[in-house]
């Protein structure tokens, strides 16, 4: 897996709703017919767009304020990974 850069749609909270979003930004993870937009705080589950214009086209039709932001997912460093692709917390990457 290499580093990945994509555009995601981030919900913009205003007023009272902004004070309730203490767990970080909300990302669009899908739209269900009859339910509307579904949001997540986990960027791994966000819908990723390769072009900003594609994200903007979707964001302009959402029922809430949203913005399109660039996001980067970094490849984990090999020196702190175990053989199965998971982080090995027993290894010190600074040694």
N, C-alpha and C. Protein backbone atom coordinates (compact mmCIF):
# COMPACT_ATOMS: atom_id res chain seq x y z
N UNK A 1 0.84 -1.17 0.00
CA UNK A 1 0.00 0.00 0.00
C UNK A 1 0.89 1.24 0.00
N UNK A 2 0.64 2.15 -0.88
CA UNK A 2 1.38 3.40 -0.93
C UNK A 2 0.56 4.51 -0.31
N UNK A 3 1.19 5.67 -0.10
CA UNK A 3 0.44 6.82 0.38
C UNK A 3 -0.67 7.13 -0.61
N UNK A 4 -1.81 7.55 -0.10
CA UNK A 4 -2.96 7.85 -0.96
C UNK A 4 -3.46 9.25 -0.64
N UNK A 5 -3.71 10.02 -1.67
CA UNK A 5 -4.28 11.35 -1.52
C UNK A 5 -5.61 11.37 -2.26
N UNK A 6 -6.65 11.87 -1.61
CA UNK A 6 -7.98 11.94 -2.22
C UNK A 6 -8.73 13.11 -1.62
N UNK A 7 -9.87 13.40 -2.20
CA UNK A 7 -10.76 14.44 -1.71
C UNK A 7 -11.91 13.78 -0.97
N UNK A 8 -12.28 14.32 0.19
CA UNK A 8 -13.40 13.82 0.97
C UNK A 8 -14.35 14.98 1.26
N UNK A 9 -15.58 14.65 1.58
CA UNK A 9 -16.57 15.67 1.94
C UNK A 9 -16.67 15.70 3.46
N UNK A 10 -16.45 16.88 4.01
CA UNK A 10 -16.46 17.08 5.46
C UNK A 10 -17.67 17.93 5.83
N UNK A 11 -18.40 17.48 6.81
CA UNK A 11 -19.58 18.22 7.27
C UNK A 11 -19.14 19.47 8.02
N UNK A 12 -19.81 20.58 7.73
CA UNK A 12 -19.51 21.84 8.41
C UNK A 12 -20.64 22.12 9.39
N UNK A 13 -20.31 22.10 10.67
CA UNK A 13 -21.31 22.36 11.69
C UNK A 13 -21.27 23.84 12.06
N UNK A 14 -22.43 24.42 12.24
CA UNK A 14 -22.51 25.83 12.59
C UNK A 14 -23.34 26.00 13.86
N UNK A 15 -23.04 27.01 14.60
CA UNK A 15 -23.82 27.35 15.79
C UNK A 15 -23.75 26.29 16.87
N UNK A 16 -24.91 25.92 17.39
CA UNK A 16 -25.00 24.98 18.50
C UNK A 16 -24.46 23.60 18.12
N UNK A 17 -24.68 23.19 16.88
CA UNK A 17 -24.21 21.87 16.44
C UNK A 17 -22.68 21.80 16.50
N UNK A 18 -22.00 22.91 16.28
CA UNK A 18 -20.53 22.91 16.31
C UNK A 18 -20.00 22.60 17.70
N UNK A 19 -20.71 23.03 18.72
CA UNK A 19 -20.24 22.77 20.08
C UNK A 19 -20.46 21.31 20.47
N UNK A 20 -21.39 20.62 19.81
CA UNK A 20 -21.66 19.22 20.13
C UNK A 20 -20.72 18.27 19.40
N UNK A 21 -20.05 18.72 18.34
CA UNK A 21 -19.13 17.87 17.59
C UNK A 21 -17.75 17.89 18.23
N UNK A 22 -17.64 17.29 19.39
CA UNK A 22 -16.37 17.29 20.11
C UNK A 22 -15.47 16.14 19.71
N UNK A 23 -15.98 15.19 18.96
CA UNK A 23 -15.18 14.03 18.59
C UNK A 23 -14.52 14.18 17.23
N UNK A 24 -14.42 15.39 16.72
CA UNK A 24 -13.70 15.62 15.47
C UNK A 24 -14.60 15.81 14.27
N UNK A 25 -13.98 15.93 13.11
CA UNK A 25 -14.75 16.17 11.89
C UNK A 25 -15.60 14.96 11.50
N UNK A 26 -16.63 15.22 10.72
CA UNK A 26 -17.51 14.17 10.19
C UNK A 26 -17.31 14.09 8.69
N UNK A 27 -17.13 12.89 8.17
CA UNK A 27 -16.89 12.66 6.75
C UNK A 27 -18.07 11.91 6.14
N UNK A 28 -18.39 12.25 4.90
CA UNK A 28 -19.47 11.56 4.20
C UNK A 28 -19.03 10.12 3.92
N UNK A 29 -19.87 9.16 4.35
CA UNK A 29 -19.55 7.76 4.09
C UNK A 29 -20.55 7.11 3.15
N UNK A 30 -21.57 7.86 2.74
CA UNK A 30 -22.53 7.34 1.78
C UNK A 30 -23.85 8.06 1.87
N UNK A 31 -24.70 7.76 0.91
CA UNK A 31 -26.05 8.33 0.88
C UNK A 31 -27.02 7.19 0.65
N UNK A 32 -27.98 7.05 1.56
CA UNK A 32 -28.99 6.00 1.43
C UNK A 32 -30.32 6.60 1.07
N UNK A 33 -30.98 6.01 0.10
CA UNK A 33 -32.28 6.49 -0.33
C UNK A 33 -33.26 6.38 0.84
N UNK A 34 -33.94 7.46 1.11
CA UNK A 34 -34.89 7.48 2.21
C UNK A 34 -34.29 7.93 3.53
N UNK A 35 -32.96 7.90 3.65
CA UNK A 35 -32.29 8.30 4.89
C UNK A 35 -31.42 9.54 4.70
N UNK A 36 -30.90 9.73 3.51
CA UNK A 36 -30.02 10.87 3.26
C UNK A 36 -28.56 10.53 3.52
N UNK A 37 -27.80 11.57 3.78
CA UNK A 37 -26.35 11.41 3.97
C UNK A 37 -26.04 10.69 5.28
N UNK A 38 -25.04 9.83 5.23
CA UNK A 38 -24.55 9.14 6.43
C UNK A 38 -23.14 9.65 6.69
N UNK A 39 -22.85 9.97 7.96
CA UNK A 39 -21.58 10.59 8.31
C UNK A 39 -20.81 9.71 9.29
N UNK A 40 -19.49 9.81 9.26
CA UNK A 40 -18.64 9.05 10.16
C UNK A 40 -17.49 9.92 10.64
N UNK A 41 -16.97 9.61 11.80
CA UNK A 41 -15.78 10.31 12.29
C UNK A 41 -14.51 9.60 11.86
N UNK A 42 -14.64 8.42 11.28
CA UNK A 42 -13.49 7.62 10.84
C UNK A 42 -13.19 7.89 9.37
N UNK A 43 -12.08 8.55 9.10
CA UNK A 43 -11.72 8.90 7.72
C UNK A 43 -11.48 7.68 6.85
N UNK A 44 -11.23 6.52 7.45
CA UNK A 44 -11.03 5.29 6.68
C UNK A 44 -12.32 4.86 5.98
N UNK A 45 -13.47 5.26 6.51
CA UNK A 45 -14.76 4.88 5.93
C UNK A 45 -15.35 5.96 5.02
N UNK A 46 -14.64 7.06 4.85
CA UNK A 46 -15.14 8.16 4.03
C UNK A 46 -15.13 7.80 2.55
N UNK A 47 -16.09 8.35 1.81
CA UNK A 47 -16.08 8.21 0.36
C UNK A 47 -14.93 9.06 -0.16
N UNK A 48 -14.09 8.48 -1.02
CA UNK A 48 -12.91 9.17 -1.54
C UNK A 48 -13.13 9.52 -3.01
N UNK A 49 -12.80 10.75 -3.34
CA UNK A 49 -12.90 11.23 -4.72
C UNK A 49 -11.50 11.54 -5.23
N UNK A 50 -11.22 11.13 -6.46
CA UNK A 50 -9.90 11.40 -7.03
C UNK A 50 -9.80 12.83 -7.55
N UNK A 51 -10.95 13.46 -7.83
CA UNK A 51 -10.96 14.84 -8.30
C UNK A 51 -11.82 15.70 -7.38
N UNK A 52 -11.37 16.90 -7.11
CA UNK A 52 -12.11 17.82 -6.25
C UNK A 52 -13.49 18.13 -6.83
N UNK A 53 -13.56 18.31 -8.12
CA UNK A 53 -14.81 18.68 -8.78
C UNK A 53 -15.90 17.63 -8.56
N UNK A 54 -15.51 16.36 -8.48
CA UNK A 54 -16.50 15.30 -8.23
C UNK A 54 -17.10 15.43 -6.83
N UNK A 55 -16.24 15.71 -5.85
CA UNK A 55 -16.72 15.91 -4.49
C UNK A 55 -17.62 17.13 -4.38
N UNK A 56 -17.24 18.21 -5.09
CA UNK A 56 -18.04 19.43 -5.05
C UNK A 56 -19.42 19.22 -5.65
N UNK A 57 -19.51 18.41 -6.69
CA UNK A 57 -20.82 18.14 -7.32
C UNK A 57 -21.76 17.41 -6.36
N UNK A 58 -21.22 16.52 -5.57
CA UNK A 58 -22.04 15.82 -4.57
C UNK A 58 -22.37 16.75 -3.41
N UNK A 59 -21.38 17.49 -2.93
CA UNK A 59 -21.57 18.35 -1.75
C UNK A 59 -22.63 19.42 -1.97
N UNK A 60 -22.75 19.93 -3.19
CA UNK A 60 -23.73 20.98 -3.43
C UNK A 60 -25.17 20.48 -3.36
N UNK A 61 -25.39 19.17 -3.38
CA UNK A 61 -26.74 18.61 -3.31
C UNK A 61 -27.08 18.05 -1.92
N UNK A 62 -26.16 18.17 -0.98
CA UNK A 62 -26.44 17.69 0.39
C UNK A 62 -27.33 18.68 1.11
N UNK A 63 -28.09 18.19 2.09
CA UNK A 63 -29.02 19.04 2.83
C UNK A 63 -28.36 19.83 3.94
N UNK A 64 -27.09 19.61 4.20
CA UNK A 64 -26.38 20.34 5.24
C UNK A 64 -25.14 20.99 4.64
N UNK A 65 -24.55 21.90 5.38
CA UNK A 65 -23.34 22.57 4.91
C UNK A 65 -22.18 21.57 4.91
N UNK A 66 -21.44 21.55 3.81
CA UNK A 66 -20.31 20.63 3.69
C UNK A 66 -19.24 21.28 2.83
N UNK A 67 -18.01 20.83 3.03
CA UNK A 67 -16.90 21.33 2.21
C UNK A 67 -16.08 20.14 1.74
N UNK A 68 -15.40 20.34 0.64
CA UNK A 68 -14.55 19.30 0.07
C UNK A 68 -13.11 19.60 0.49
N UNK A 69 -12.47 18.64 1.13
CA UNK A 69 -11.11 18.84 1.64
C UNK A 69 -10.20 17.72 1.14
N UNK A 70 -8.94 18.06 0.96
CA UNK A 70 -7.94 17.07 0.56
C UNK A 70 -7.48 16.31 1.79
N UNK A 71 -7.33 15.01 1.66
CA UNK A 71 -6.93 14.18 2.78
C UNK A 71 -5.85 13.21 2.32
N UNK A 72 -4.94 12.86 3.20
CA UNK A 72 -3.86 11.93 2.86
C UNK A 72 -3.83 10.78 3.85
N UNK A 73 -3.75 9.58 3.32
CA UNK A 73 -3.59 8.37 4.13
C UNK A 73 -2.16 7.89 3.89
N UNK A 74 -1.36 7.83 4.94
CA UNK A 74 0.05 7.47 4.81
C UNK A 74 0.25 5.98 5.00
N UNK A 75 1.16 5.44 4.21
CA UNK A 75 1.52 4.03 4.35
C UNK A 75 2.28 3.86 5.66
N UNK A 76 1.94 2.85 6.44
CA UNK A 76 2.66 2.61 7.69
C UNK A 76 4.13 2.32 7.40
N UNK A 77 5.00 2.79 8.27
CA UNK A 77 6.43 2.55 8.10
C UNK A 77 6.73 1.07 8.34
N UNK A 78 7.57 0.51 7.49
CA UNK A 78 7.89 -0.93 7.57
C UNK A 78 8.68 -1.29 8.83
N UNK A 79 9.46 -0.36 9.36
CA UNK A 79 10.29 -0.70 10.51
C UNK A 79 9.49 -0.86 11.80
N UNK A 80 8.23 -0.48 11.80
CA UNK A 80 7.42 -0.67 13.01
C UNK A 80 6.24 -1.62 12.75
N UNK A 81 6.30 -2.34 11.61
CA UNK A 81 5.22 -3.27 11.28
C UNK A 81 5.66 -4.70 11.57
N UNK A 82 4.71 -5.53 11.96
CA UNK A 82 5.02 -6.95 12.11
C UNK A 82 4.85 -7.62 10.75
N UNK A 83 5.04 -8.89 10.66
CA UNK A 83 4.98 -9.60 9.39
C UNK A 83 3.61 -9.71 8.77
N UNK A 84 2.57 -9.36 9.50
CA UNK A 84 1.20 -9.49 8.99
C UNK A 84 0.58 -8.14 8.64
N UNK A 85 1.39 -7.10 8.52
CA UNK A 85 0.86 -5.80 8.13
C UNK A 85 0.26 -5.00 9.26
N UNK A 86 0.50 -5.42 10.49
CA UNK A 86 -0.02 -4.68 11.64
C UNK A 86 1.13 -3.99 12.36
N UNK A 87 0.81 -2.95 13.09
CA UNK A 87 1.85 -2.23 13.82
C UNK A 87 2.34 -3.08 14.99
N UNK A 88 3.66 -3.20 15.10
CA UNK A 88 4.27 -3.94 16.19
C UNK A 88 4.63 -2.96 17.28
N UNK A 89 3.85 -2.93 18.37
CA UNK A 89 4.08 -1.94 19.43
C UNK A 89 5.27 -2.30 20.31
N UNK A 90 5.87 -3.46 20.10
CA UNK A 90 7.04 -3.84 20.89
C UNK A 90 8.34 -3.29 20.30
N UNK A 91 8.29 -2.79 19.06
CA UNK A 91 9.48 -2.25 18.41
C UNK A 91 9.53 -0.74 18.56
N UNK A 92 10.72 -0.23 18.81
CA UNK A 92 10.92 1.20 18.93
C UNK A 92 11.44 1.72 17.59
N UNK A 93 10.70 2.57 16.89
CA UNK A 93 11.13 3.05 15.59
C UNK A 93 12.33 4.01 15.65
N UNK A 94 12.68 4.46 16.85
CA UNK A 94 13.79 5.40 17.02
C UNK A 94 15.12 4.73 17.28
N UNK A 95 15.15 3.40 17.31
CA UNK A 95 16.43 2.71 17.57
C UNK A 95 17.02 2.16 16.32
